[in-house]
C-alpha atoms as a PDB file:
ATOM      1  CA  MET A   1      -2.552 104.518  95.441  1.00  0.00           C
ATOM      2  CA  THR A   2      -5.032 105.871  92.816  1.00  0.00           C
ATOM      3  CA  VAL A   3      -6.146 109.623  92.258  1.00  0.00           C
ATOM      4  CA  ALA A   4      -8.556 109.449  89.999  1.00  0.00           C
ATOM      5  CA  GLY A   5     -12.298 110.115  89.070  1.00  0.00           C
ATOM      6  CA  THR A   6     -14.884 107.440  89.287  1.00  0.00           C
ATOM      7  CA  ASP A   7     -16.645 105.449  86.490  1.00  0.00           C
ATOM      8  CA  SER A   8     -19.922 104.490  87.636  1.00  0.00           C
ATOM      9  CA  GLY A   9     -20.233 101.876  84.644  1.00  0.00           C
ATOM     10  CA  GLY A  10     -17.282  99.938  86.678  1.00  0.00           C
ATOM     11  CA  SER A  11     -14.950 100.035  83.631  1.00  0.00           C
ATOM     12  CA  ALA A  12     -12.339 102.492  83.816  1.00  0.00           C
ATOM     13  CA  GLY A  13     -11.261 105.064  86.410  1.00  0.00           C
ATOM     14  CA  LEU A  14     -11.135 104.335  89.841  1.00  0.00           C
ATOM     15  CA  ALA A  15     -12.752 100.914  89.432  1.00  0.00           C
ATOM     16  CA  CYS A  16     -10.138  99.931  86.944  1.00  0.00           C
ATOM     17  CA  ASP A  17      -7.469 100.571  88.894  1.00  0.00           C
ATOM     18  CA  LEU A  18      -8.578  98.953  92.022  1.00  0.00           C
ATOM     19  CA  LYS A  19      -9.635  95.927  90.352  1.00  0.00           C
ATOM     20  CA  THR A  20      -6.094  95.953  88.835  1.00  0.00           C
ATOM     21  CA  PHE A  21      -4.486  96.527  91.897  1.00  0.00           C
ATOM     22  CA  LEU A  22      -6.455  93.238  93.289  1.00  0.00           C
ATOM     23  CA  GLY A  23      -5.743  91.366  90.490  1.00  0.00           C
ATOM     24  CA  CYS A  24      -1.729  92.197  90.619  1.00  0.00           C
ATOM     25  CA  GLY A  25      -1.893  91.214  94.452  1.00  0.00           C
ATOM     26  CA  VAL A  26      -1.365  94.791  95.692  1.00  0.00           C
ATOM     27  CA  HIS A  27      -3.751  96.605  98.361  1.00  0.00           C
ATOM     28  CA  GLY A  28      -5.398  99.418  96.607  1.00  0.00           C
ATOM     29  CA  VAL A  29      -6.267 102.592  98.361  1.00  0.00           C
ATOM     30  CA  PHE A  30      -7.428 105.939  96.666  1.00  0.00           C
ATOM     31  CA  ALA A  31      -8.293 109.741  96.340  1.00  0.00           C
ATOM     32  CA  VAL A  32     -11.341 110.811  94.375  1.00  0.00           C
ATOM     33  CA  THR A  33     -11.211 113.697  92.166  1.00  0.00           C
ATOM     34  CA  ALA A  34     -14.279 113.541  90.553  1.00  0.00           C
ATOM     35  CA  VAL A  35     -17.805 111.661  90.184  1.00  0.00           C
ATOM     36  CA  THR A  36     -18.597 110.918  86.456  1.00  0.00           C
ATOM     37  CA  VAL A  37     -22.025 110.217  85.478  1.00  0.00           C
ATOM     38  CA  GLN A  38     -20.623 107.510  82.829  1.00  0.00           C
ATOM     39  CA  ASN A  39     -21.566 103.980  81.339  1.00  0.00           C
ATOM     40  CA  SER A  40     -20.527 101.721  78.113  1.00  0.00           C
ATOM     41  CA  VAL A  41     -21.639 104.665  75.885  1.00  0.00           C
ATOM     42  CA  GLY A  42     -20.286 107.731  77.163  1.00  0.00           C
ATOM     43  CA  VAL A  43     -20.113 110.695  80.201  1.00  0.00           C
ATOM     44  CA  THR A  44     -23.089 112.618  80.524  1.00  0.00           C
ATOM     45  CA  GLY A  45     -22.021 114.493  83.664  1.00  0.00           C
ATOM     46  CA  VAL A  46     -18.873 115.129  85.861  1.00  0.00           C
ATOM     47  CA  HIS A  47     -18.814 116.437  89.506  1.00  0.00           C
ATOM     48  CA  GLU A  48     -15.552 117.744  90.980  1.00  0.00           C
ATOM     49  CA  ILE A  49     -14.425 117.286  94.301  1.00  0.00           C
ATOM     50  CA  PRO A  50     -13.300 120.174  96.203  1.00  0.00           C
ATOM     51  CA  PRO A  51      -9.366 120.176  96.018  1.00  0.00           C
ATOM     52  CA  ALA A  52      -8.731 120.650  99.842  1.00  0.00           C
ATOM     53  CA  THR A  53     -10.792 117.452 100.005  1.00  0.00           C
ATOM     54  CA  VAL A  54      -8.525 115.536  97.374  1.00  0.00           C
ATOM     55  CA  ALA A  55      -5.948 116.659  99.071  1.00  0.00           C
ATOM     56  CA  ALA A  56      -6.986 115.414 102.322  1.00  0.00           C
ATOM     57  CA  GLN A  57      -7.742 112.110 101.357  1.00  0.00           C
ATOM     58  CA  ILE A  58      -3.888 111.990 100.155  1.00  0.00           C
ATOM     59  CA  ASP A  59      -2.745 113.249 103.567  1.00  0.00           C
ATOM     60  CA  SER A  60      -5.299 110.706 105.554  1.00  0.00           C
ATOM     61  CA  VAL A  61      -4.018 107.753 103.956  1.00  0.00           C
ATOM     62  CA  ALA A  62      -0.343 108.376 103.637  1.00  0.00           C
ATOM     63  CA  GLY A  63      -0.263 109.466 107.225  1.00  0.00           C
ATOM     64  CA  ASP A  64      -1.494 105.836 108.340  1.00  0.00           C
ATOM     65  CA  ILE A  65      -1.421 103.219 105.601  1.00  0.00           C
ATOM     66  CA  GLY A  66       1.526 104.850 103.648  1.00  0.00           C
ATOM     67  CA  VAL A  67       1.828 104.590  99.730  1.00  0.00           C
ATOM     68  CA  GLY A  68       4.362 102.225  97.937  1.00  0.00           C
ATOM     69  CA  ALA A  69       3.858 103.753  94.709  1.00  0.00           C
ATOM     70  CA  ALA A  70       1.087 106.266  93.488  1.00  0.00           C
ATOM     71  CA  LYS A  71      -0.742 107.110  89.846  1.00  0.00           C
ATOM     72  CA  THR A  72      -2.922 109.748  88.818  1.00  0.00           C
ATOM     73  CA  GLY A  73      -5.724 109.259  86.574  1.00  0.00           C
ATOM     74  CA  MET A  74      -8.642 112.097  85.788  1.00  0.00           C
ATOM     75  CA  LEU A  75      -7.707 115.002  87.484  1.00  0.00           C
ATOM     76  CA  ALA A  76     -10.568 117.670  86.147  1.00  0.00           C
ATOM     77  CA  SER A  77      -9.013 120.779  86.838  1.00  0.00           C
ATOM     78  CA  ALA A  78      -5.872 122.950  87.723  1.00  0.00           C
ATOM     79  CA  PRO A  79      -6.793 123.701  91.352  1.00  0.00           C
ATOM     80  CA  ILE A  80      -6.986 119.987  91.754  1.00  0.00           C
ATOM     81  CA  ILE A  81      -3.558 119.399  90.270  1.00  0.00           C
ATOM     82  CA  GLU A  82      -2.121 122.274  92.599  1.00  0.00           C
ATOM     83  CA  ALA A  83      -3.615 120.456  95.641  1.00  0.00           C
ATOM     84  CA  ILE A  84      -2.593 116.932  94.954  1.00  0.00           C
ATOM     85  CA  ALA A  85       0.713 117.994  93.828  1.00  0.00           C
ATOM     86  CA  GLY A  86       1.135 120.007  97.310  1.00  0.00           C
ATOM     87  CA  ALA A  87       0.227 116.706  98.791  1.00  0.00           C
ATOM     88  CA  PHE A  88       2.432 114.469  97.145  1.00  0.00           C
ATOM     89  CA  ALA A  89       5.399 116.372  98.261  1.00  0.00           C
ATOM     90  CA  ARG A  90       4.452 116.557 101.960  1.00  0.00           C
ATOM     91  CA  ASN A  91       4.123 112.918 101.801  1.00  0.00           C
ATOM     92  CA  GLY A  92       7.186 111.760  99.824  1.00  0.00           C
ATOM     93  CA  ILE A  93       5.590 110.864  96.648  1.00  0.00           C
ATOM     94  CA  GLY A  94       7.180 111.585  93.168  1.00  0.00           C
ATOM     95  CA  ARG A  95      10.169 111.781  91.330  1.00  0.00           C
ATOM     96  CA  GLY A  96      13.342 110.769  93.412  1.00  0.00           C
ATOM     97  CA  LEU A  97      11.436 110.522  96.549  1.00  0.00           C
ATOM     98  CA  ALA A  98      10.276 107.458  98.485  1.00  0.00           C
ATOM     99  CA  SER A  99       7.220 106.506  96.592  1.00  0.00           C
ATOM    100  CA  PRO A 100       7.311 106.426  92.853  1.00  0.00           C
ATOM    101  CA  LEU A 101       4.352 108.317  90.927  1.00  0.00           C
ATOM    102  CA  LEU A 102       3.191 107.331  87.455  1.00  0.00           C
ATOM    103  CA  VAL A 103       1.228 110.442  85.806  1.00  0.00           C
ATOM    104  CA  ASP A 104      -1.654 109.299  83.347  1.00  0.00           C
ATOM    105  CA  PRO A 105      -2.851 112.808  82.210  1.00  0.00           C
ATOM    106  CA  VAL A 106      -6.472 111.561  81.388  1.00  0.00           C
ATOM    107  CA  CYS A 107      -7.782 114.262  78.924  1.00  0.00           C
ATOM    108  CA  ALA A 108     -10.923 112.550  77.671  1.00  0.00           C
ATOM    109  CA  SER A 109     -12.918 109.430  77.630  1.00  0.00           C
ATOM    110  CA  MET A 110     -12.578 106.732  75.129  1.00  0.00           C
ATOM    111  CA  HIS A 111     -15.618 108.071  73.562  1.00  0.00           C
ATOM    112  CA  GLY A 112     -14.306 111.752  73.085  1.00  0.00           C
ATOM    113  CA  ASP A 113     -15.773 113.011  76.463  1.00  0.00           C
ATOM    114  CA  ALA A 114     -13.757 116.016  77.791  1.00  0.00           C
ATOM    115  CA  LEU A 115     -12.415 115.014  81.234  1.00  0.00           C
ATOM    116  CA  LEU A 116      -9.945 117.973  81.558  1.00  0.00           C
ATOM    117  CA  ARG A 117     -10.605 121.545  81.792  1.00  0.00           C
ATOM    118  CA  ASP A 118      -8.416 123.564  79.292  1.00  0.00           C
ATOM    119  CA  ASP A 119      -6.730 125.471  82.321  1.00  0.00           C
ATOM    120  CA  ALA A 120      -5.382 122.245  83.756  1.00  0.00           C
ATOM    121  CA  LEU A 121      -3.074 121.249  80.782  1.00  0.00           C
ATOM    122  CA  ASP A 122      -0.661 124.074  81.702  1.00  0.00           C
ATOM    123  CA  ALA A 123      -0.656 122.637  85.371  1.00  0.00           C
ATOM    124  CA  LEU A 124       0.226 118.944  84.064  1.00  0.00           C
ATOM    125  CA  ARG A 125       2.786 120.138  82.235  1.00  0.00           C
ATOM    126  CA  ASP A 126       4.312 122.461  84.595  1.00  0.00           C
ATOM    127  CA  ARG A 127       3.283 121.458  88.098  1.00  0.00           C
ATOM    128  CA  LEU A 128       2.959 117.402  87.801  1.00  0.00           C
ATOM    129  CA  PHE A 129       5.262 116.393  85.219  1.00  0.00           C
ATOM    130  CA  PRO A 130       8.515 117.447  86.903  1.00  0.00           C
ATOM    131  CA  MET A 131       7.296 115.244  89.888  1.00  0.00           C
ATOM    132  CA  ALA A 132       6.487 112.035  87.922  1.00  0.00           C
ATOM    133  CA  THR A 133       8.685 109.206  87.516  1.00  0.00           C
ATOM    134  CA  LEU A 134       6.837 108.034  84.892  1.00  0.00           C
ATOM    135  CA  VAL A 135       4.036 109.789  82.566  1.00  0.00           C
ATOM    136  CA  THR A 136       2.257 107.081  80.318  1.00  0.00           C
ATOM    137  CA  LEU A 137       0.205 108.877  77.613  1.00  0.00           C
ATOM    138  CA  ASN A 138      -2.001 107.549  74.081  1.00  0.00           C
ATOM    139  CA  LEU A 139      -1.595 109.351  71.084  1.00  0.00           C
ATOM    140  CA  ASP A 140      -4.255 111.722  71.618  1.00  0.00           C
ATOM    141  CA  GLU A 141      -3.086 113.108  74.534  1.00  0.00           C
ATOM    142  CA  VAL A 142       0.452 113.180  73.254  1.00  0.00           C
ATOM    143  CA  ARG A 143      -1.054 115.537  70.267  1.00  0.00           C
ATOM    144  CA  LEU A 144      -2.902 117.508  72.853  1.00  0.00           C
ATOM    145  CA  LEU A 145       0.131 118.241  75.456  1.00  0.00           C
ATOM    146  CA  THR A 146       3.153 118.249  72.547  1.00  0.00           C
ATOM    147  CA  GLY A 147       1.359 119.377  69.247  1.00  0.00           C
ATOM    148  CA  VAL A 148       3.391 116.200  67.777  1.00  0.00           C
ATOM    149  CA  GLU A 149       1.080 113.988  65.618  1.00  0.00           C
ATOM    150  CA  VAL A 150       2.438 110.300  65.846  1.00  0.00           C
ATOM    151  CA  THR A 151       2.057 107.775  62.700  1.00  0.00           C
ATOM    152  CA  ASP A 152       5.561 106.054  63.325  1.00  0.00           C
ATOM    153  CA  ARG A 153       8.600 105.226  65.070  1.00  0.00           C
ATOM    154  CA  THR A 154       9.907 108.441  64.389  1.00  0.00           C
ATOM    155  CA  GLY A 155       7.045 110.307  65.398  1.00  0.00           C
ATOM    156  CA  ALA A 156       7.181 108.343  68.891  1.00  0.00           C
ATOM    157  CA  GLU A 157      10.687 109.474  69.496  1.00  0.00           C
ATOM    158  CA  LYS A 158      10.068 113.191  68.617  1.00  0.00           C
ATOM    159  CA  ALA A 159       7.305 113.091  71.346  1.00  0.00           C
ATOM    160  CA  ALA A 160       9.084 111.296  73.876  1.00  0.00           C
ATOM    161  CA  ARG A 161      12.100 113.836  73.547  1.00  0.00           C
ATOM    162  CA  ALA A 162       9.313 116.622  73.869  1.00  0.00           C
ATOM    163  CA  LEU A 163       7.553 115.019  76.603  1.00  0.00           C
ATOM    164  CA  HIS A 164      10.449 114.115  78.887  1.00  0.00           C
ATOM    165  CA  ALA A 165      11.836 117.806  78.311  1.00  0.00           C
ATOM    166  CA  LEU A 166       9.152 118.631  80.662  1.00  0.00           C
ATOM    167  CA  GLY A 167      10.499 117.106  83.518  1.00  0.00           C
ATOM    168  CA  PRO A 168       9.400 113.372  84.185  1.00  0.00           C
ATOM    169  CA  GLU A 169      12.199 110.777  84.618  1.00  0.00           C
ATOM    170  CA  TYR A 170      10.587 108.413  82.427  1.00  0.00           C
ATOM    171  CA  VAL A 171       8.298 108.737  79.233  1.00  0.00           C
ATOM    172  CA  LEU A 172       6.147 106.328  77.954  1.00  0.00           C
ATOM    173  CA  VAL A 173       4.255 107.050  74.649  1.00  0.00           C
ATOM    174  CA  LYS A 174       1.635 104.184  73.977  1.00  0.00           C
ATOM    175  CA  GLY A 175       0.920 103.174  70.383  1.00  0.00           C
ATOM    176  CA  GLY A 176      -2.367 101.554  70.908  1.00  0.00           C
ATOM    177  CA  HIS A 177      -3.979 104.186  68.551  1.00  0.00           C
ATOM    178  CA  LEU A 178      -1.905 103.185  65.525  1.00  0.00           C
ATOM    179  CA  HIS A 179      -4.546 101.112  64.189  1.00  0.00           C
ATOM    180  CA  GLU A 180      -3.305 100.132  61.050  1.00  0.00           C
ATOM    181  CA  THR A 181       0.007  98.200  62.743  1.00  0.00           C
ATOM    182  CA  PRO A 182      -0.127  94.608  63.533  1.00  0.00           C
ATOM    183  CA  ASP A 183       1.231  95.043  66.925  1.00  0.00           C
ATOM    184  CA  SER A 184       0.495  97.748  69.473  1.00  0.00           C
ATOM    185  CA  PRO A 185       3.951  99.317  70.122  1.00  0.00           C
ATOM    186  CA  ASP A 186       4.526 101.505  73.102  1.00  0.00           C
ATOM    187  CA  LEU A 187       8.004 103.488  73.638  1.00  0.00           C
ATOM    188  CA  LEU A 188       9.800 103.862  77.002  1.00  0.00           C
ATOM    189  CA  PHE A 189      12.342 106.600  77.314  1.00  0.00           C
ATOM    190  CA  ASP A 190      14.735 107.868  79.846  1.00  0.00           C
ATOM    191  CA  GLY A 191      16.076 110.638  78.400  1.00  0.00           C
ATOM    192  CA  THR A 192      19.026 108.702  76.845  1.00  0.00           C
ATOM    193  CA  ASP A 193      17.828 105.281  75.678  1.00  0.00           C
ATOM    194  CA  PHE A 194      14.688 104.048  74.059  1.00  0.00           C
ATOM    195  CA  VAL A 195      13.060 100.675  74.607  1.00  0.00           C
ATOM    196  CA  GLU A 196      10.304  99.546  72.769  1.00  0.00           C
ATOM    197  CA  LEU A 197       7.656  97.170  73.851  1.00  0.00           C
ATOM    198  CA  THR A 198       5.105  95.608  71.849  1.00  0.00           C
ATOM    199  CA  ALA A 199       2.404  92.975  71.902  1.00  0.00           C
ATOM    200  CA  PRO A 200       0.063  91.241  69.394  1.00  0.00           C
ATOM    201  CA  ARG A 201      -2.844  93.411  68.528  1.00  0.00           C
ATOM    202  CA  ARG A 202      -6.033  91.901  69.530  1.00  0.00           C
ATOM    203  CA  PRO A 203      -9.307  91.852  67.531  1.00  0.00           C
ATOM    204  CA  THR A 204     -11.570  93.543  70.096  1.00  0.00           C
ATOM    205  CA  ARG A 205     -13.432  96.937  70.473  1.00  0.00           C
ATOM    206  CA  HIS A 206     -13.918  95.956  74.192  1.00  0.00           C
ATOM    207  CA  THR A 207     -10.995  98.155  75.448  1.00  0.00           C
ATOM    208  CA  HIS A 208     -12.722 100.143  77.901  1.00  0.00           C
ATOM    209  CA  GLY A 209     -10.204 100.843  80.737  1.00  0.00           C
ATOM    210  CA  GLY A 210      -7.332  99.924  79.323  1.00  0.00           C
ATOM    211  CA  GLY A 211      -4.908 102.831  79.767  1.00  0.00           C
ATOM    212  CA  ASP A 212      -5.740 102.699  83.320  1.00  0.00           C
ATOM    213  CA  CYS A 213      -5.421  98.959  83.741  1.00  0.00           C
ATOM    214  CA  LEU A 214      -1.704  99.462  82.085  1.00  0.00           C
ATOM    215  CA  GLY A 215      -1.056 102.088  84.454  1.00  0.00           C
ATOM    216  CA  ALA A 216      -2.368 100.474  87.597  1.00  0.00           C
ATOM    217  CA  ALA A 217      -0.730  97.462  86.941  1.00  0.00           C
ATOM    218  CA  THR A 218       2.665  99.357  86.199  1.00  0.00           C
ATOM    219  CA  THR A 219       2.068 101.240  89.602  1.00  0.00           C
ATOM    220  CA  ALA A 220       1.736  97.705  91.543  1.00  0.00           C
ATOM    221  CA  ALA A 221       5.001  96.416  89.880  1.00  0.00           C
ATOM    222  CA  LEU A 222       6.621  99.730  91.391  1.00  0.00           C
ATOM    223  CA  ALA A 223       4.984  99.391  94.856  1.00  0.00           C
ATOM    224  CA  ARG A 224       6.653  95.854  94.969  1.00  0.00           C
ATOM    225  CA  GLY A 225      10.163  97.380  94.086  1.00  0.00           C
ATOM    226  CA  ALA A 226      10.636  96.735  90.438  1.00  0.00           C
ATOM    227  CA  GLY A 227      12.695  99.318  88.865  1.00  0.00           C
ATOM    228  CA  VAL A 228      10.936 101.537  85.761  1.00  0.00           C
ATOM    229  CA  VAL A 229      11.718  99.389  82.704  1.00  0.00           C
ATOM    230  CA  ALA A 230      10.745  96.073  84.647  1.00  0.00           C
ATOM    231  CA  ALA A 231       7.255  97.695  85.802  1.00  0.00           C
ATOM    232  CA  VAL A 232       6.099  98.935  82.125  1.00  0.00           C
ATOM    233  CA  ARG A 233       6.777  95.448  81.270  1.00  0.00           C
ATOM    234  CA  ALA A 234       5.017  93.892  83.857  1.00  0.00           C
ATOM    235  CA  GLY A 235       2.124  96.254  83.126  1.00  0.00           C
ATOM    236  CA  LYS A 236       2.160  95.905  79.716  1.00  0.00           C
ATOM    237  CA  ALA A 237       1.953  92.173  79.742  1.00  0.00           C
ATOM    238  CA  TYR A 238      -0.964  92.133  82.488  1.00  0.00           C
ATOM    239  CA  VAL A 239      -2.873  94.838  80.250  1.00  0.00           C
ATOM    240  CA  THR A 240      -2.394  92.417  76.764  1.00  0.00           C
ATOM    241  CA  GLN A 241      -3.724  89.315  78.523  1.00  0.00           C
ATOM    242  CA  ALA A 242      -6.706  91.521  80.254  1.00  0.00           C
ATOM    243  CA  VAL A 243      -7.567  93.050  76.568  1.00  0.00           C
ATOM    244  CA  ALA A 244      -7.483  89.558  75.238  1.00  0.00           C
ATOM    245  CA  GLY A 245      -9.914  88.374  78.368  1.00  0.00           C
ATOM    246  CA  SER A 246     -12.281  91.813  77.346  1.00  0.00           C
ATOM    247  CA  TYR A 247     -15.778  91.377  77.278  1.00  0.00           C
ATOM    248  CA  PRO A 248     -19.089  92.927  76.061  1.00  0.00           C
ATOM    249  CA  LEU A 249     -20.988  95.109  78.664  1.00  0.00           C
ATOM    250  CA  GLY A 250     -24.097  97.534  77.641  1.00  0.00           C
ATOM    251  CA  ALA A 251     -24.635  99.283  74.434  1.00  0.00           C
ATOM    252  CA  GLY A 252     -21.628 100.317  73.985  1.00  0.00           C
ATOM    253  CA  VAL A 253     -17.640  99.534  74.833  1.00  0.00           C
ATOM    254  CA  GLY A 254     -17.088  96.673  76.836  1.00  0.00           C
ATOM    255  CA  PRO A 255     -14.111  96.516  79.460  1.00  0.00           C
ATOM    256  CA  VAL A 256     -10.789  94.825  79.742  1.00  0.00           C
ATOM    257  CA  GLY A 257     -11.046  91.485  81.988  1.00  0.00           C
ATOM    258  CA  HIS A 258      -8.673  92.376  85.067  1.00  0.00           C
ATOM    259  CA  PHE A 259      -8.975  88.624  86.317  1.00  0.00           C
ATOM    260  CA  TRP A 260      -8.331  86.979  82.855  1.00  0.00           C
ATOM    261  CA  TRP A 261      -5.645  84.486  85.351  1.00  0.00           C
ATOM    262  CA  GLY A 262      -8.904  83.203  86.887  1.00  0.00           C
ATOM    263  CA  PRO A 263     -10.571  83.612  90.192  1.00  0.00           C
ATOM    264  CA  GLY A 264      -8.332  82.829  93.164  1.00  0.00           C
ATOM    265  CA  GLY A 265      -5.453  82.041  90.658  1.00  0.00           C
ATOM    266  CA  GLN A 266      -2.036  83.270  90.440  1.00  0.00           C
ATOM    267  CA  GLN A 267      -0.998  85.912  87.984  1.00  0.00           C
ATOM    268  CA  GLY A 268       1.234  84.500  85.370  1.00  0.00           C
END
């Protein structure tokens, strides 16, 4: 399950998550939190869904189809976060419960357009992070939520410790925005041990939806029963190939390529 906002351009948000789920061989279900007016250039409008309706979507799907694992994306506001936290608790979704939960605190689009109200930051930290099996953050989100400016491995470790103190079981600090490094280094932390995952940096600007893709592929692996470390490795492998298969679209930044393994083929 993905609980996230739409992208009318089809590159990020719900569209990206569902395409990634399909590419990873799992059935995707969703709860819509907000509808954005968006294309390859930027976001020009956001319409939030009533919190009770967001929660009702989760209850409806979980009560009938079930949820193997869930992820969050754009959550828009504190009332929406409160509503989904209640729905997750009712339906056994979250840290230590039947269904793992990945929290991706989407605060802004890749173009810098705000996707999260200021009042939602405290709700993320206090309400949702303690429920998370895994939180995944890019460096801009790390800085916004912890005040830590990550420029190297030492900074990434400091940020991971600060984030883990907020209550999640695992933290993944993503290093894709360390553009001066030849590789794209991510750092996974469980409160005791660090695991570094690296991949070659691809020479392309078309990476729209890359963070969503990583989270969705990791969630798909969790739904199949993988442990967190193995699931993150699977997600990293998938998004690395998706970035390599990205393509131009519209006048701005194009999307990652979800079906890099070929139509009707098998994921490698």
